Amino acid sequence: MTNQTATTDAAIYPPSPETVSHALIDAATYDAMYASSIADPAAFWGEQGKRIDWIKPYTQVKDVDFTLGQVKINWFADGTLNVAANCVDRHLETRGDQTA
């Protein structure tokens, strides 16, 4: 058996101008959102969580503990949502005739 190391030369393919013109976000906005998510994750994700419909809204965004032997990671743990309703149902009125 031989030990082979895989090397790749990753190519970068920029999006087409048409794709860029229809994008909902640009690189600068992404960078700002990313920086915000790192600086204050609870505040950032608390705002993002408001973008979807909750059956029972969350009251706590994050509950995490990285202590060795006690690791727990909970986001929006006390909220209840229906993913299918958020992905499909809430769009039926305005986009019901479009292909998903």
PDB file of N, CA and C in Angstrom:
ATOM      1  N   MET A   1       0.854  -1.178   0.000  1.00  0.00           N
ATOM      2  CA  MET A   1       0.000   0.000   0.000  1.00  0.00           C
ATOM      3  C   MET A   1       0.896   1.236   0.000  1.00  0.00           C
ATOM      4  N   THR A   2       0.567   2.204  -0.818  1.00  0.00           N
ATOM      5  CA  THR A   2       1.372   3.416  -0.882  1.00  0.00           C
ATOM      6  C   THR A   2       0.639   4.556  -0.201  1.00  0.00           C
ATOM      7  N   ASN A   3       1.415   5.450   0.321  1.00  0.00           N
ATOM      8  CA  ASN A   3       0.844   6.625   0.972  1.00  0.00           C
ATOM      9  C   ASN A   3       0.834   7.757  -0.049  1.00  0.00           C
ATOM     10  N   GLN A   4      -0.337   8.130  -0.509  1.00  0.00           N
ATOM     11  CA  GLN A   4      -0.448   9.179  -1.512  1.00  0.00           C
ATOM     12  C   GLN A   4      -1.129  10.395  -0.921  1.00  0.00           C
ATOM     13  N   THR A   5      -0.591  11.525  -1.200  1.00  0.00           N
ATOM     14  CA  THR A   5      -1.199  12.772  -0.767  1.00  0.00           C
ATOM     15  C   THR A   5      -1.891  13.406  -1.953  1.00  0.00           C
ATOM     16  N   ALA A   6      -3.155  13.695  -1.795  1.00  0.00           N
ATOM     17  CA  ALA A   6      -3.913  14.312  -2.885  1.00  0.00           C
ATOM     18  C   ALA A   6      -3.669  15.817  -2.872  1.00  0.00           C
ATOM     19  N   THR A   7      -3.393  16.348  -4.026  1.00  0.00           N
ATOM     20  CA  THR A   7      -3.277  17.796  -4.160  1.00  0.00           C
ATOM     21  C   THR A   7      -4.304  18.246  -5.171  1.00  0.00           C
ATOM     22  N   THR A   8      -4.868  19.371  -4.907  1.00  0.00           N
ATOM     23  CA  THR A   8      -5.847  19.911  -5.841  1.00  0.00           C
ATOM     24  C   THR A   8      -5.536  21.380  -6.086  1.00  0.00           C
ATOM     25  N   ASP A   9      -5.745  21.790  -7.276  1.00  0.00           N
ATOM     26  CA  ASP A   9      -5.662  23.195  -7.630  1.00  0.00           C
ATOM     27  C   ASP A   9      -7.099  23.648  -7.824  1.00  0.00           C
ATOM     28  N   ALA A  10      -7.650  24.232  -6.770  1.00  0.00           N
ATOM     29  CA  ALA A  10      -9.048  24.643  -6.816  1.00  0.00           C
ATOM     30  C   ALA A  10      -9.213  25.833  -7.747  1.00  0.00           C
ATOM     31  N   ALA A  11     -10.101  25.689  -8.675  1.00  0.00           N
ATOM     32  CA  ALA A  11     -10.414  26.774  -9.594  1.00  0.00           C
ATOM     33  C   ALA A  11     -11.551  27.591  -9.008  1.00  0.00           C
ATOM     34  N   ILE A  12     -11.514  28.856  -9.259  1.00  0.00           N
ATOM     35  CA  ILE A  12     -12.582  29.742  -8.799  1.00  0.00           C
ATOM     36  C   ILE A  12     -13.364  30.201 -10.016  1.00  0.00           C
ATOM     37  N   TYR A  13     -14.664  29.990  -9.972  1.00  0.00           N
ATOM     38  CA  TYR A  13     -15.544  30.380 -11.065  1.00  0.00           C
ATOM     39  C   TYR A  13     -16.477  31.477 -10.561  1.00  0.00           C
ATOM     40  N   PRO A  14     -16.261  32.704 -10.942  1.00  0.00           N
ATOM     41  CA  PRO A  14     -17.123  33.788 -10.470  1.00  0.00           C
ATOM     42  C   PRO A  14     -18.540  33.627 -11.023  1.00  0.00           C
ATOM     43  N   PRO A  15     -19.518  34.139 -10.285  1.00  0.00           N
ATOM     44  CA  PRO A  15     -20.900  34.056 -10.776  1.00  0.00           C
ATOM     45  C   PRO A  15     -21.091  34.948 -12.000  1.00  0.00           C
ATOM     46  N   SER A  16     -22.068  34.580 -12.783  1.00  0.00           N
ATOM     47  CA  SER A  16     -22.369  35.377 -13.975  1.00  0.00           C
ATOM     48  C   SER A  16     -22.962  36.726 -13.557  1.00  0.00           C
ATOM     49  N   PRO A  17     -22.869  37.724 -14.417  1.00  0.00           N
ATOM     50  CA  PRO A  17     -23.487  39.030 -14.110  1.00  0.00           C
ATOM     51  C   PRO A  17     -24.988  38.897 -13.822  1.00  0.00           C
ATOM     52  N   GLU A  18     -25.653  37.988 -14.526  1.00  0.00           N
ATOM     53  CA  GLU A  18     -27.087  37.791 -14.288  1.00  0.00           C
ATOM     54  C   GLU A  18     -27.335  37.268 -12.885  1.00  0.00           C
ATOM     55  N   THR A  19     -26.532  36.303 -12.453  1.00  0.00           N
ATOM     56  CA  THR A  19     -26.669  35.766 -11.098  1.00  0.00           C
ATOM     57  C   THR A  19     -26.414  36.865 -10.071  1.00  0.00           C
ATOM     58  N   VAL A  20     -25.374  37.643 -10.280  1.00  0.00           N
ATOM     59  CA  VAL A  20     -25.045  38.736  -9.359  1.00  0.00           C
ATOM     60  C   VAL A  20     -26.193  39.736  -9.280  1.00  0.00           C
ATOM     61  N   SER A  21     -26.806  40.041 -10.419  1.00  0.00           N
ATOM     62  CA  SER A  21     -27.887  41.032 -10.421  1.00  0.00           C
ATOM     63  C   SER A  21     -29.128  40.545  -9.678  1.00  0.00           C
ATOM     64  N   HIS A  22     -29.297  39.231  -9.534  1.00  0.00           N
ATOM     65  CA  HIS A  22     -30.444  38.682  -8.823  1.00  0.00           C
ATOM     66  C   HIS A  22     -30.124  38.289  -7.389  1.00  0.00           C
ATOM     67  N   ALA A  23     -28.879  38.434  -6.984  1.00  0.00           N
ATOM     68  CA  ALA A  23     -28.474  38.030  -5.635  1.00  0.00           C
ATOM     69  C   ALA A  23     -29.114  38.933  -4.590  1.00  0.00           C
ATOM     70  N   LEU A  24     -29.420  38.361  -3.449  1.00  0.00           N
ATOM     71  CA  LEU A  24     -30.018  39.128  -2.358  1.00  0.00           C
ATOM     72  C   LEU A  24     -28.956  39.713  -1.432  1.00  0.00           C
ATOM     73  N   ILE A  25     -27.702  39.390  -1.689  1.00  0.00           N
ATOM     74  CA  ILE A  25     -26.610  39.854  -0.838  1.00  0.00           C
ATOM     75  C   ILE A  25     -25.354  39.991  -1.690  1.00  0.00           C
ATOM     76  N   ASP A  26     -24.490  40.930  -1.322  1.00  0.00           N
ATOM     77  CA  ASP A  26     -23.214  41.063  -2.019  1.00  0.00           C
ATOM     78  C   ASP A  26     -22.085  40.736  -1.041  1.00  0.00           C
ATOM     79  N   ALA A  27     -20.864  40.729  -1.531  1.00  0.00           N
ATOM     80  CA  ALA A  27     -19.719  40.327  -0.707  1.00  0.00           C
ATOM     81  C   ALA A  27     -19.550  41.230   0.512  1.00  0.00           C
ATOM     82  N   ALA A  28     -19.732  42.514   0.341  1.00  0.00           N
ATOM     83  CA  ALA A  28     -19.567  43.444   1.468  1.00  0.00           C
ATOM     84  C   ALA A  28     -20.616  43.193   2.547  1.00  0.00           C
ATOM     85  N   THR A  29     -21.851  42.950   2.136  1.00  0.00           N
ATOM     86  CA  THR A  29     -22.913  42.670   3.096  1.00  0.00           C
ATOM     87  C   THR A  29     -22.653  41.345   3.801  1.00  0.00           C
ATOM     88  N   TYR A  30     -22.218  40.348   3.056  1.00  0.00           N
ATOM     89  CA  TYR A  30     -21.873  39.058   3.662  1.00  0.00           C
ATOM     90  C   TYR A  30     -20.771  39.240   4.692  1.00  0.00           C
ATOM     91  N   ASP A  31     -19.714  39.957   4.337  1.00  0.00           N
ATOM     92  CA  ASP A  31     -18.606  40.167   5.264  1.00  0.00           C
ATOM     93  C   ASP A  31     -19.070  40.865   6.538  1.00  0.00           C
ATOM     94  N   ALA A  32     -19.941  41.859   6.404  1.00  0.00           N
ATOM     95  CA  ALA A  32     -20.456  42.576   7.571  1.00  0.00           C
ATOM     96  C   ALA A  32     -21.318  41.660   8.435  1.00  0.00           C
ATOM     97  N   MET A  33     -22.161  40.853   7.792  1.00  0.00           N
ATOM     98  CA  MET A  33     -23.002  39.917   8.556  1.00  0.00           C
ATOM     99  C   MET A  33     -22.145  38.875   9.267  1.00  0.00           C
ATOM    100  N   TYR A  34     -21.137  38.372   8.587  1.00  0.00           N
ATOM    101  CA  TYR A  34     -20.245  37.382   9.197  1.00  0.00           C
ATOM    102  C   TYR A  34     -19.542  37.975  10.413  1.00  0.00           C
ATOM    103  N   ALA A  35     -19.007  39.179  10.276  1.00  0.00           N
ATOM    104  CA  ALA A  35     -18.326  39.837  11.395  1.00  0.00           C
ATOM    105  C   ALA A  35     -19.280  40.019  12.575  1.00  0.00           C
ATOM    106  N   SER A  36     -20.513  40.397  12.281  1.00  0.00           N
ATOM    107  CA  SER A  36     -21.522  40.563  13.327  1.00  0.00           C
ATOM    108  C   SER A  36     -21.832  39.237  14.025  1.00  0.00           C
ATOM    109  N   SER A  37     -21.894  38.161  13.239  1.00  0.00           N
ATOM    110  CA  SER A  37     -22.205  36.848  13.818  1.00  0.00           C
ATOM    111  C   SER A  37     -21.090  36.353  14.727  1.00  0.00           C
ATOM    112  N   ILE A  38     -19.863  36.751  14.451  1.00  0.00           N
ATOM    113  CA  ILE A  38     -18.724  36.365  15.280  1.00  0.00           C
ATOM    114  C   ILE A  38     -18.648  37.247  16.527  1.00  0.00           C
ATOM    115  N   ALA A  39     -18.879  38.538  16.361  1.00  0.00           N
ATOM    116  CA  ALA A  39     -18.773  39.481  17.468  1.00  0.00           C
ATOM    117  C   ALA A  39     -19.830  39.240  18.547  1.00  0.00           C
ATOM    118  N   ASP A  40     -21.057  38.942  18.143  1.00  0.00           N
ATOM    119  CA  ASP A  40     -22.143  38.722  19.111  1.00  0.00           C
ATOM    120  C   ASP A  40     -23.122  37.704  18.531  1.00  0.00           C
ATOM    121  N   PRO A  41     -22.770  36.405  18.625  1.00  0.00           N
ATOM    122  CA  PRO A  41     -23.603  35.371  18.011  1.00  0.00           C
ATOM    123  C   PRO A  41     -25.055  35.376  18.484  1.00  0.00           C
ATOM    124  N   ALA A  42     -25.285  35.574  19.757  1.00  0.00           N
ATOM    125  CA  ALA A  42     -26.662  35.539  20.267  1.00  0.00           C
ATOM    126  C   ALA A  42     -27.502  36.656  19.663  1.00  0.00           C
ATOM    127  N   ALA A  43     -26.957  37.856  19.588  1.00  0.00           N
ATOM    128  CA  ALA A  43     -27.710  38.976  19.005  1.00  0.00           C
ATOM    129  C   ALA A  43     -27.936  38.754  17.517  1.00  0.00           C
ATOM    130  N   PHE A  44     -26.885  38.337  16.817  1.00  0.00           N
ATOM    131  CA  PHE A  44     -27.008  38.119  15.373  1.00  0.00           C
ATOM    132  C   PHE A  44     -28.055  37.058  15.070  1.00  0.00           C
ATOM    133  N   TRP A  45     -27.929  35.884  15.685  1.00  0.00           N
ATOM    134  CA  TRP A  45     -28.855  34.790  15.388  1.00  0.00           C
ATOM    135  C   TRP A  45     -30.241  35.051  15.956  1.00  0.00           C
ATOM    136  N   GLY A  46     -30.320  35.854  17.011  1.00  0.00           N
ATOM    137  CA  GLY A  46     -31.632  36.255  17.518  1.00  0.00           C
ATOM    138  C   GLY A  46     -32.403  37.041  16.480  1.00  0.00           C
ATOM    139  N   GLU A  47     -31.712  37.929  15.768  1.00  0.00           N
ATOM    140  CA  GLU A  47     -32.344  38.685  14.684  1.00  0.00           C
ATOM    141  C   GLU A  47     -32.681  37.774  13.496  1.00  0.00           C
ATOM    142  N   GLN A  48     -31.773  36.895  13.137  1.00  0.00           N
ATOM    143  CA  GLN A  48     -32.024  35.993  12.017  1.00  0.00           C
ATOM    144  C   GLN A  48     -33.195  35.064  12.316  1.00  0.00           C
ATOM    145  N   GLY A  49     -33.337  34.661  13.562  1.00  0.00           N
ATOM    146  CA  GLY A  49     -34.436  33.781  13.957  1.00  0.00           C
ATOM    147  C   GLY A  49     -35.805  34.403  13.746  1.00  0.00           C
ATOM    148  N   LYS A  50     -35.862  35.708  13.702  1.00  0.00           N
ATOM    149  CA  LYS A  50     -37.137  36.411  13.481  1.00  0.00           C
ATOM    150  C   LYS A  50     -37.593  36.330  12.027  1.00  0.00           C
ATOM    151  N   ARG A  51     -36.723  35.826  11.149  1.00  0.00           N
ATOM    152  CA  ARG A  51     -37.062  35.757   9.722  1.00  0.00           C
ATOM    153  C   ARG A  51     -37.974  34.582   9.394  1.00  0.00           C
ATOM    154  N   ILE A  52     -38.132  33.662  10.325  1.00  0.00           N
ATOM    155  CA  ILE A  52     -39.000  32.505  10.074  1.00  0.00           C
ATOM    156  C   ILE A  52     -40.185  32.528  11.030  1.00  0.00           C
ATOM    157  N   ASP A  53     -41.208  31.749  10.700  1.00  0.00           N
ATOM    158  CA  ASP A  53     -42.428  31.704  11.502  1.00  0.00           C
ATOM    159  C   ASP A  53     -42.300  30.618  12.567  1.00  0.00           C
ATOM    160  N   TRP A  54     -42.539  31.005  13.804  1.00  0.00           N
ATOM    161  CA  TRP A  54     -42.442  30.082  14.937  1.00  0.00           C
ATOM    162  C   TRP A  54     -43.839  29.743  15.440  1.00  0.00           C
ATOM    163  N   ILE A  55     -44.066  28.481  15.747  1.00  0.00           N
ATOM    164  CA  ILE A  55     -45.313  28.075  16.389  1.00  0.00           C
ATOM    165  C   ILE A  55     -45.301  28.627  17.812  1.00  0.00           C
ATOM    166  N   LYS A  56     -44.183  28.428  18.487  1.00  0.00           N
ATOM    167  CA  LYS A  56     -43.938  29.000  19.815  1.00  0.00           C
ATOM    168  C   LYS A  56     -42.583  29.690  19.725  1.00  0.00           C
ATOM    169  N   PRO A  57     -42.554  31.017  19.779  1.00  0.00           N
ATOM    170  CA  PRO A  57     -41.290  31.735  19.639  1.00  0.00           C
ATOM    171  C   PRO A  57     -40.291  31.381  20.749  1.00  0.00           C
ATOM    172  N   TYR A  58     -39.029  31.442  20.412  1.00  0.00           N
ATOM    173  CA  TYR A  58     -37.967  31.192  21.381  1.00  0.00           C
ATOM    174  C   TYR A  58     -37.831  32.382  22.327  1.00  0.00           C
ATOM    175  N   THR A  59     -37.376  32.119  23.525  1.00  0.00           N
ATOM    176  CA  THR A  59     -37.077  33.190  24.468  1.00  0.00           C
ATOM    177  C   THR A  59     -35.580  33.277  24.733  1.00  0.00           C
ATOM    178  N   GLN A  60     -34.852  32.224  24.379  1.00  0.00           N
ATOM    179  CA  GLN A  60     -33.406  32.197  24.556  1.00  0.00           C
ATOM    180  C   GLN A  60     -32.781  31.725  23.249  1.00  0.00           C
ATOM    181  N   VAL A  61     -31.849  32.489  22.726  1.00  0.00           N
ATOM    182  CA  VAL A  61     -31.233  32.154  21.448  1.00  0.00           C
ATOM    183  C   VAL A  61     -30.246  31.011  21.606  1.00  0.00           C
ATOM    184  N   LYS A  62     -29.294  31.153  22.515  1.00  0.00           N
ATOM    185  CA  LYS A  62     -28.293  30.103  22.648  1.00  0.00           C
ATOM    186  C   LYS A  62     -28.052  29.739  24.094  1.00  0.00           C
ATOM    187  N   ASP A  63     -27.788  28.475  24.285  1.00  0.00           N
ATOM    188  CA  ASP A  63     -27.459  27.914  25.598  1.00  0.00           C
ATOM    189  C   ASP A  63     -26.349  26.905  25.341  1.00  0.00           C
ATOM    190  N   VAL A  64     -25.113  27.344  25.503  1.00  0.00           N
ATOM    191  CA  VAL A  64     -23.981  26.484  25.190  1.00  0.00           C
ATOM    192  C   VAL A  64     -23.018  26.405  26.367  1.00  0.00           C
ATOM    193  N   ASP A  65     -22.363  25.281  26.456  1.00  0.00           N
ATOM    194  CA  ASP A  65     -21.336  25.056  27.467  1.00  0.00           C
ATOM    195  C   ASP A  65     -20.299  24.133  26.843  1.00  0.00           C
ATOM    196  N   PHE A  66     -19.072  24.590  26.771  1.00  0.00           N
ATOM    197  CA  PHE A  66     -18.009  23.802  26.170  1.00  0.00           C
ATOM    198  C   PHE A  66     -17.082  23.197  27.221  1.00  0.00           C
ATOM    199  N   THR A  67     -17.541  23.148  28.468  1.00  0.00           N
ATOM    200  CA  THR A  67     -16.752  22.542  29.531  1.00  0.00           C
ATOM    201  C   THR A  67     -16.568  21.057  29.246  1.00  0.00           C
ATOM    202  N   LEU A  68     -15.325  20.590  29.331  1.00  0.00           N
ATOM    203  CA  LEU A  68     -15.021  19.195  29.066  1.00  0.00           C
ATOM    204  C   LEU A  68     -15.895  18.291  29.937  1.00  0.00           C
ATOM    205  N   GLY A  69     -16.578  17.364  29.308  1.00  0.00           N
ATOM    206  CA  GLY A  69     -17.466  16.441  30.008  1.00  0.00           C
ATOM    207  C   GLY A  69     -18.872  16.964  30.226  1.00  0.00           C
ATOM    208  N   GLN A  70     -19.096  18.242  29.934  1.00  0.00           N
ATOM    209  CA  GLN A  70     -20.418  18.854  30.126  1.00  0.00           C
ATOM    210  C   GLN A  70     -20.877  19.598  28.876  1.00  0.00           C
ATOM    211  N   VAL A  71     -20.331  19.230  27.737  1.00  0.00           N
ATOM    212  CA  VAL A  71     -20.628  19.961  26.506  1.00  0.00           C
ATOM    213  C   VAL A  71     -22.114  19.885  26.179  1.00  0.00           C
ATOM    214  N   LYS A  72     -22.685  21.035  25.929  1.00  0.00           N
ATOM    215  CA  LYS A  72     -24.065  21.104  25.433  1.00  0.00           C
ATOM    216  C   LYS A  72     -24.151  22.278  24.478  1.00  0.00           C
ATOM    217  N   ILE A  73     -24.889  22.085  23.420  1.00  0.00           N
ATOM    218  CA  ILE A  73     -25.061  23.128  22.413  1.00  0.00           C
ATOM    219  C   ILE A  73     -26.541  23.169  22.040  1.00  0.00           C
ATOM    220  N   ASN A  74     -27.212  24.195  22.470  1.00  0.00           N
ATOM    221  CA  ASN A  74     -28.645  24.361  22.194  1.00  0.00           C
ATOM    222  C   ASN A  74     -28.883  25.750  21.622  1.00  0.00           C
ATOM    223  N   TRP A  75     -29.524  25.781  20.472  1.00  0.00           N
ATOM    224  CA  TRP A  75     -29.917  27.041  19.849  1.00  0.00           C
ATOM    225  C   TRP A  75     -31.432  27.042  19.722  1.00  0.00           C
ATOM    226  N   PHE A  76     -32.069  28.115  20.144  1.00  0.00           N
ATOM    227  CA  PHE A  76     -33.523  28.276  20.033  1.00  0.00           C
ATOM    228  C   PHE A  76     -34.257  27.096  20.687  1.00  0.00           C
ATOM    229  N   ALA A  77     -33.699  26.543  21.759  1.00  0.00           N
ATOM    230  CA  ALA A  77     -34.180  25.278  22.332  1.00  0.00           C
ATOM    231  C   ALA A  77     -35.618  25.333  22.839  1.00  0.00           C
ATOM    232  N   ASP A  78     -36.058  26.470  23.322  1.00  0.00           N
ATOM    233  CA  ASP A  78     -37.423  26.511  23.870  1.00  0.00           C
ATOM    234  C   ASP A  78     -38.457  26.940  22.833  1.00  0.00           C
ATOM    235  N   GLY A  79     -38.041  27.147  21.604  1.00  0.00           N
ATOM    236  CA  GLY A  79     -38.979  27.501  20.539  1.00  0.00           C
ATOM    237  C   GLY A  79     -39.452  26.267  19.802  1.00  0.00           C
ATOM    238  N   THR A  80     -40.585  26.404  19.148  1.00  0.00           N
ATOM    239  CA  THR A  80     -41.141  25.308  18.350  1.00  0.00           C
ATOM    240  C   THR A  80     -41.455  25.848  16.959  1.00  0.00           C
ATOM    241  N   LEU A  81     -40.987  25.121  15.952  1.00  0.00           N
ATOM    242  CA  LEU A  81     -41.314  25.545  14.589  1.00  0.00           C
ATOM    243  C   LEU A  81     -41.615  24.339  13.726  1.00  0.00           C
ATOM    244  N   ASN A  82     -42.214  24.613  12.589  1.00  0.00           N
ATOM    245  CA  ASN A  82     -42.534  23.597  11.604  1.00  0.00           C
ATOM    246  C   ASN A  82     -41.718  23.943  10.360  1.00  0.00           C
ATOM    247  N   VAL A  83     -40.694  23.160  10.106  1.00  0.00           N
ATOM    248  CA  VAL A  83     -39.798  23.459   8.995  1.00  0.00           C
ATOM    249  C   VAL A  83     -40.537  23.432   7.663  1.00  0.00           C
ATOM    250  N   ALA A  84     -41.411  22.457   7.469  1.00  0.00           N
ATOM    251  CA  ALA A  84     -42.147  22.374   6.201  1.00  0.00           C
ATOM    252  C   ALA A  84     -42.998  23.624   5.987  1.00  0.00           C
ATOM    253  N   ALA A  85     -43.605  24.115   7.044  1.00  0.00           N
ATOM    254  CA  ALA A  85     -44.415  25.327   6.920  1.00  0.00           C
ATOM    255  C   ALA A  85     -43.544  26.505   6.501  1.00  0.00           C
ATOM    256  N   ASN A  86     -42.333  26.582   7.028  1.00  0.00           N
ATOM    257  CA  ASN A  86     -41.435  27.673   6.677  1.00  0.00           C
ATOM    258  C   ASN A  86     -40.860  27.528   5.277  1.00  0.00           C
ATOM    259  N   CYS A  87     -40.612  26.314   4.848  1.00  0.00           N
ATOM    260  CA  CYS A  87     -40.019  26.091   3.531  1.00  0.00           C
ATOM    261  C   CYS A  87     -41.045  26.131   2.404  1.00  0.00           C
ATOM    262  N   VAL A  88     -42.276  25.706   2.678  1.00  0.00           N
ATOM    263  CA  VAL A  88     -43.272  25.573   1.611  1.00  0.00           C
ATOM    264  C   VAL A  88     -44.534  26.375   1.899  1.00  0.00           C
ATOM    265  N   ASP A  89     -45.212  26.046   2.965  1.00  0.00           N
ATOM    266  CA  ASP A  89     -46.554  26.563   3.213  1.00  0.00           C
ATOM    267  C   ASP A  89     -46.655  28.086   3.213  1.00  0.00           C
ATOM    268  N   ARG A  90     -45.714  28.772   3.823  1.00  0.00           N
ATOM    269  CA  ARG A  90     -45.851  30.222   3.921  1.00  0.00           C
ATOM    270  C   ARG A  90     -45.658  30.935   2.584  1.00  0.00           C
ATOM    271  N   HIS A  91     -45.201  30.208   1.578  1.00  0.00           N
ATOM    272  CA  HIS A  91     -45.001  30.791   0.256  1.00  0.00           C
ATOM    273  C   HIS A  91     -46.141  30.475  -0.713  1.00  0.00           C
ATOM    274  N   LEU A  92     -47.092  29.661  -0.304  1.00  0.00           N
ATOM    275  CA  LEU A  92     -48.143  29.223  -1.211  1.00  0.00           C
ATOM    276  C   LEU A  92     -48.985  30.362  -1.753  1.00  0.00           C
ATOM    277  N   GLU A  93     -49.334  31.308  -0.916  1.00  0.00           N
ATOM    278  CA  GLU A  93     -50.215  32.398  -1.353  1.00  0.00           C
ATOM    279  C   GLU A  93     -49.589  33.215  -2.483  1.00  0.00           C
ATOM    280  N   THR A  94     -48.285  33.504  -2.388  1.00  0.00           N
ATOM    281  CA  THR A  94     -47.656  34.363  -3.386  1.00  0.00           C
ATOM    282  C   THR A  94     -46.902  33.586  -4.461  1.00  0.00           C
ATOM    283  N   ARG A  95     -46.553  32.321  -4.193  1.00  0.00           N
ATOM    284  CA  ARG A  95     -45.752  31.570  -5.155  1.00  0.00           C
ATOM    285  C   ARG A  95     -46.286  30.161  -5.425  1.00  0.00           C
ATOM    286  N   GLY A  96     -47.536  29.936  -5.092  1.00  0.00           N
ATOM    287  CA  GLY A  96     -48.118  28.600  -5.209  1.00  0.00           C
ATOM    288  C   GLY A  96     -48.100  28.011  -6.598  1.00  0.00           C
ATOM    289  N   ASP A  97     -48.053  28.846  -7.637  1.00  0.00           N
ATOM    290  CA  ASP A  97     -48.047  28.345  -9.008  1.00  0.00           C
ATOM    291  C   ASP A  97     -46.636  28.156  -9.579  1.00  0.00           C
ATOM    292  N   GLN A  98     -45.623  28.502  -8.781  1.00  0.00           N
ATOM    293  CA  GLN A  98     -44.240  28.352  -9.257  1.00  0.00           C
ATOM    294  C   GLN A  98     -43.680  26.975  -8.890  1.00  0.00           C
ATOM    295  N   THR A  99     -42.776  26.499  -9.723  1.00  0.00           N
ATOM    296  CA  THR A  99     -42.092  25.257  -9.433  1.00  0.00           C
ATOM    297  C   THR A  99     -41.097  25.503  -8.310  1.00  0.00           C
ATOM    298  N   ALA A 100     -41.071  24.606  -7.350  1.00  0.00           N
ATOM    299  CA  ALA A 100     -40.149  24.757  -6.213  1.00  0.00           C
ATOM    300  C   ALA A 100     -38.733  24.484  -6.634  1.00  0.00           C
TER     301      ALA A 100
END
